[in-house]
C-alpha atoms as a PDB file:
ATOM      1  CA  UNK A   1     108.015 133.699  67.801  1.00  0.00           C
ATOM      2  CA  UNK A   2     106.602 131.592  70.600  1.00  0.00           C
ATOM      3  CA  UNK A   3     108.749 130.956  73.645  1.00  0.00           C
ATOM      4  CA  UNK A   4     107.749 128.412  76.248  1.00  0.00           C
ATOM      5  CA  UNK A   5     109.435 127.989  79.600  1.00  0.00           C
ATOM      6  CA  UNK A   6     109.149 124.389  80.708  1.00  0.00           C
ATOM      7  CA  UNK A   7     111.152 124.569  83.942  1.00  0.00           C
ATOM      8  CA  UNK A   8     112.544 127.278  86.118  1.00  0.00           C
ATOM      9  CA  UNK A   9     114.713 126.707  89.180  1.00  0.00           C
ATOM     10  CA  UNK A  10     114.402 128.739  92.355  1.00  0.00           C
ATOM     11  CA  UNK A  11     116.378 128.253  95.561  1.00  0.00           C
ATOM     12  CA  UNK A  12     114.570 127.801  98.855  1.00  0.00           C
ATOM     13  CA  UNK A  13     115.778 127.878 102.460  1.00  0.00           C
ATOM     14  CA  UNK A  14     112.704 126.309 104.009  1.00  0.00           C
ATOM     15  CA  UNK A  15     110.867 123.541 102.147  1.00  0.00           C
ATOM     16  CA  UNK A  16     107.799 123.677 104.383  1.00  0.00           C
ATOM     17  CA  UNK A  17     107.415 127.443 103.968  1.00  0.00           C
ATOM     18  CA  UNK A  18     107.878 127.029 100.207  1.00  0.00           C
ATOM     19  CA  UNK A  19     105.170 124.368 100.092  1.00  0.00           C
ATOM     20  CA  UNK A  20     102.868 126.541 102.192  1.00  0.00           C
ATOM     21  CA  UNK A  21     103.282 129.373  99.685  1.00  0.00           C
ATOM     22  CA  UNK A  22     103.221 127.552  96.344  1.00  0.00           C
ATOM     23  CA  UNK A  23     100.735 124.805  97.228  1.00  0.00           C
ATOM     24  CA  UNK A  24      98.500 126.361  99.870  1.00  0.00           C
ATOM     25  CA  UNK A  25      98.438 130.030  98.814  1.00  0.00           C
ATOM     26  CA  UNK A  26      98.975 129.883  95.042  1.00  0.00           C
ATOM     27  CA  UNK A  27      97.188 126.569  94.586  1.00  0.00           C
ATOM     28  CA  UNK A  28      99.994 124.843  92.692  1.00  0.00           C
ATOM     29  CA  UNK A  29     100.141 121.068  92.658  1.00  0.00           C
ATOM     30  CA  UNK A  30     103.190 119.237  94.003  1.00  0.00           C
ATOM     31  CA  UNK A  31     104.549 117.106  91.177  1.00  0.00           C
ATOM     32  CA  UNK A  32     107.656 115.748  92.830  1.00  0.00           C
ATOM     33  CA  UNK A  33     109.241 116.016  96.265  1.00  0.00           C
ATOM     34  CA  UNK A  34     112.586 114.284  96.758  1.00  0.00           C
ATOM     35  CA  UNK A  35     115.314 114.485  99.356  1.00  0.00           C
ATOM     36  CA  UNK A  36     114.980 115.033 103.053  1.00  0.00           C
ATOM     37  CA  UNK A  37     115.152 117.717 105.684  1.00  0.00           C
ATOM     38  CA  UNK A  38     116.216 121.043 104.212  1.00  0.00           C
ATOM     39  CA  UNK A  39     117.858 119.284 101.239  1.00  0.00           C
ATOM     40  CA  UNK A  40     114.645 118.772  99.250  1.00  0.00           C
ATOM     41  CA  UNK A  41     113.956 119.314  95.571  1.00  0.00           C
ATOM     42  CA  UNK A  42     110.267 120.131  95.151  1.00  0.00           C
ATOM     43  CA  UNK A  43     108.631 120.460  91.753  1.00  0.00           C
ATOM     44  CA  UNK A  44     105.383 122.434  91.661  1.00  0.00           C
ATOM     45  CA  UNK A  45     103.179 123.833  88.934  1.00  0.00           C
ATOM     46  CA  UNK A  46      99.763 125.142  88.062  1.00  0.00           C
ATOM     47  CA  UNK A  47      97.282 122.278  87.596  1.00  0.00           C
ATOM     48  CA  UNK A  48      96.159 123.652  84.209  1.00  0.00           C
ATOM     49  CA  UNK A  49      99.745 123.992  82.902  1.00  0.00           C
ATOM     50  CA  UNK A  50     101.318 120.520  83.034  1.00  0.00           C
ATOM     51  CA  UNK A  51     104.159 121.551  80.715  1.00  0.00           C
ATOM     52  CA  UNK A  52     105.478 124.289  83.023  1.00  0.00           C
ATOM     53  CA  UNK A  53     107.102 123.578  86.378  1.00  0.00           C
ATOM     54  CA  UNK A  54     108.969 125.395  89.117  1.00  0.00           C
ATOM     55  CA  UNK A  55     111.739 123.358  90.710  1.00  0.00           C
ATOM     56  CA  UNK A  56     112.505 124.550  94.221  1.00  0.00           C
ATOM     57  CA  UNK A  57     115.991 123.496  95.253  1.00  0.00           C
ATOM     58  CA  UNK A  58     118.224 123.994  98.284  1.00  0.00           C
ATOM     59  CA  UNK A  59     120.753 126.808  97.675  1.00  0.00           C
ATOM     60  CA  UNK A  60     123.610 124.495  98.687  1.00  0.00           C
ATOM     61  CA  UNK A  61     122.780 122.335  95.649  1.00  0.00           C
ATOM     62  CA  UNK A  62     123.500 125.180  93.199  1.00  0.00           C
ATOM     63  CA  UNK A  63     127.041 124.640  91.937  1.00  0.00           C
ATOM     64  CA  UNK A  64     127.235 128.100  90.400  1.00  0.00           C
ATOM     65  CA  UNK A  65     128.535 128.932  86.948  1.00  0.00           C
ATOM     66  CA  UNK A  66     131.928 127.752  85.719  1.00  0.00           C
ATOM     67  CA  UNK A  67     134.341 129.956  83.763  1.00  0.00           C
ATOM     68  CA  UNK A  68     133.646 127.898  80.642  1.00  0.00           C
ATOM     69  CA  UNK A  69     129.883 128.389  81.068  1.00  0.00           C
ATOM     70  CA  UNK A  70     130.400 132.152  81.503  1.00  0.00           C
ATOM     71  CA  UNK A  71     132.366 132.273  78.233  1.00  0.00           C
ATOM     72  CA  UNK A  72     129.631 130.371  76.414  1.00  0.00           C
ATOM     73  CA  UNK A  73     126.972 132.701  77.847  1.00  0.00           C
ATOM     74  CA  UNK A  74     128.923 135.778  76.708  1.00  0.00           C
ATOM     75  CA  UNK A  75     129.233 134.327  73.182  1.00  0.00           C
ATOM     76  CA  UNK A  76     125.516 133.450  73.103  1.00  0.00           C
ATOM     77  CA  UNK A  77     124.524 136.948  74.243  1.00  0.00           C
ATOM     78  CA  UNK A  78     126.798 138.541  71.649  1.00  0.00           C
ATOM     79  CA  UNK A  79     125.322 136.324  68.931  1.00  0.00           C
ATOM     80  CA  UNK A  80     121.783 137.119  70.081  1.00  0.00           C
ATOM     81  CA  UNK A  81     122.598 140.829  69.807  1.00  0.00           C
ATOM     82  CA  UNK A  82     123.942 140.317  66.286  1.00  0.00           C
ATOM     83  CA  UNK A  83     120.798 138.432  65.264  1.00  0.00           C
ATOM     84  CA  UNK A  84     118.553 141.151  66.738  1.00  0.00           C
ATOM     85  CA  UNK A  85     120.445 143.847  64.819  1.00  0.00           C
ATOM     86  CA  UNK A  86     120.254 141.851  61.584  1.00  0.00           C
ATOM     87  CA  UNK A  87     116.516 141.314  62.054  1.00  0.00           C
ATOM     88  CA  UNK A  88     115.964 144.983  62.761  1.00  0.00           C
ATOM     89  CA  UNK A  89     117.987 146.001  59.701  1.00  0.00           C
ATOM     90  CA  UNK A  90     115.934 143.595  57.562  1.00  0.00           C
ATOM     91  CA  UNK A  91     112.694 145.008  58.952  1.00  0.00           C
ATOM     92  CA  UNK A  92     111.672 141.753  60.624  1.00  0.00           C
END
């Protein structure tokens, strides 16, 4: 099974410090930078991996997880466990 992560979201408190790290130290390219001040959403990624991005977002923009989303996550995890057990039992 191949799994590809296209986007991951990480909070940041300081957009300039985040840019200094991801762009200047790691060498990532800035693909998108929207917003202003500390409320900026910055998308970065490795130049040789255009299909994978890190979206840096202000923590205040994270709405959290709703009760309904938590229920769906619990059901998905339970189902994933059932599938793993079935695969193991089948020798896959």
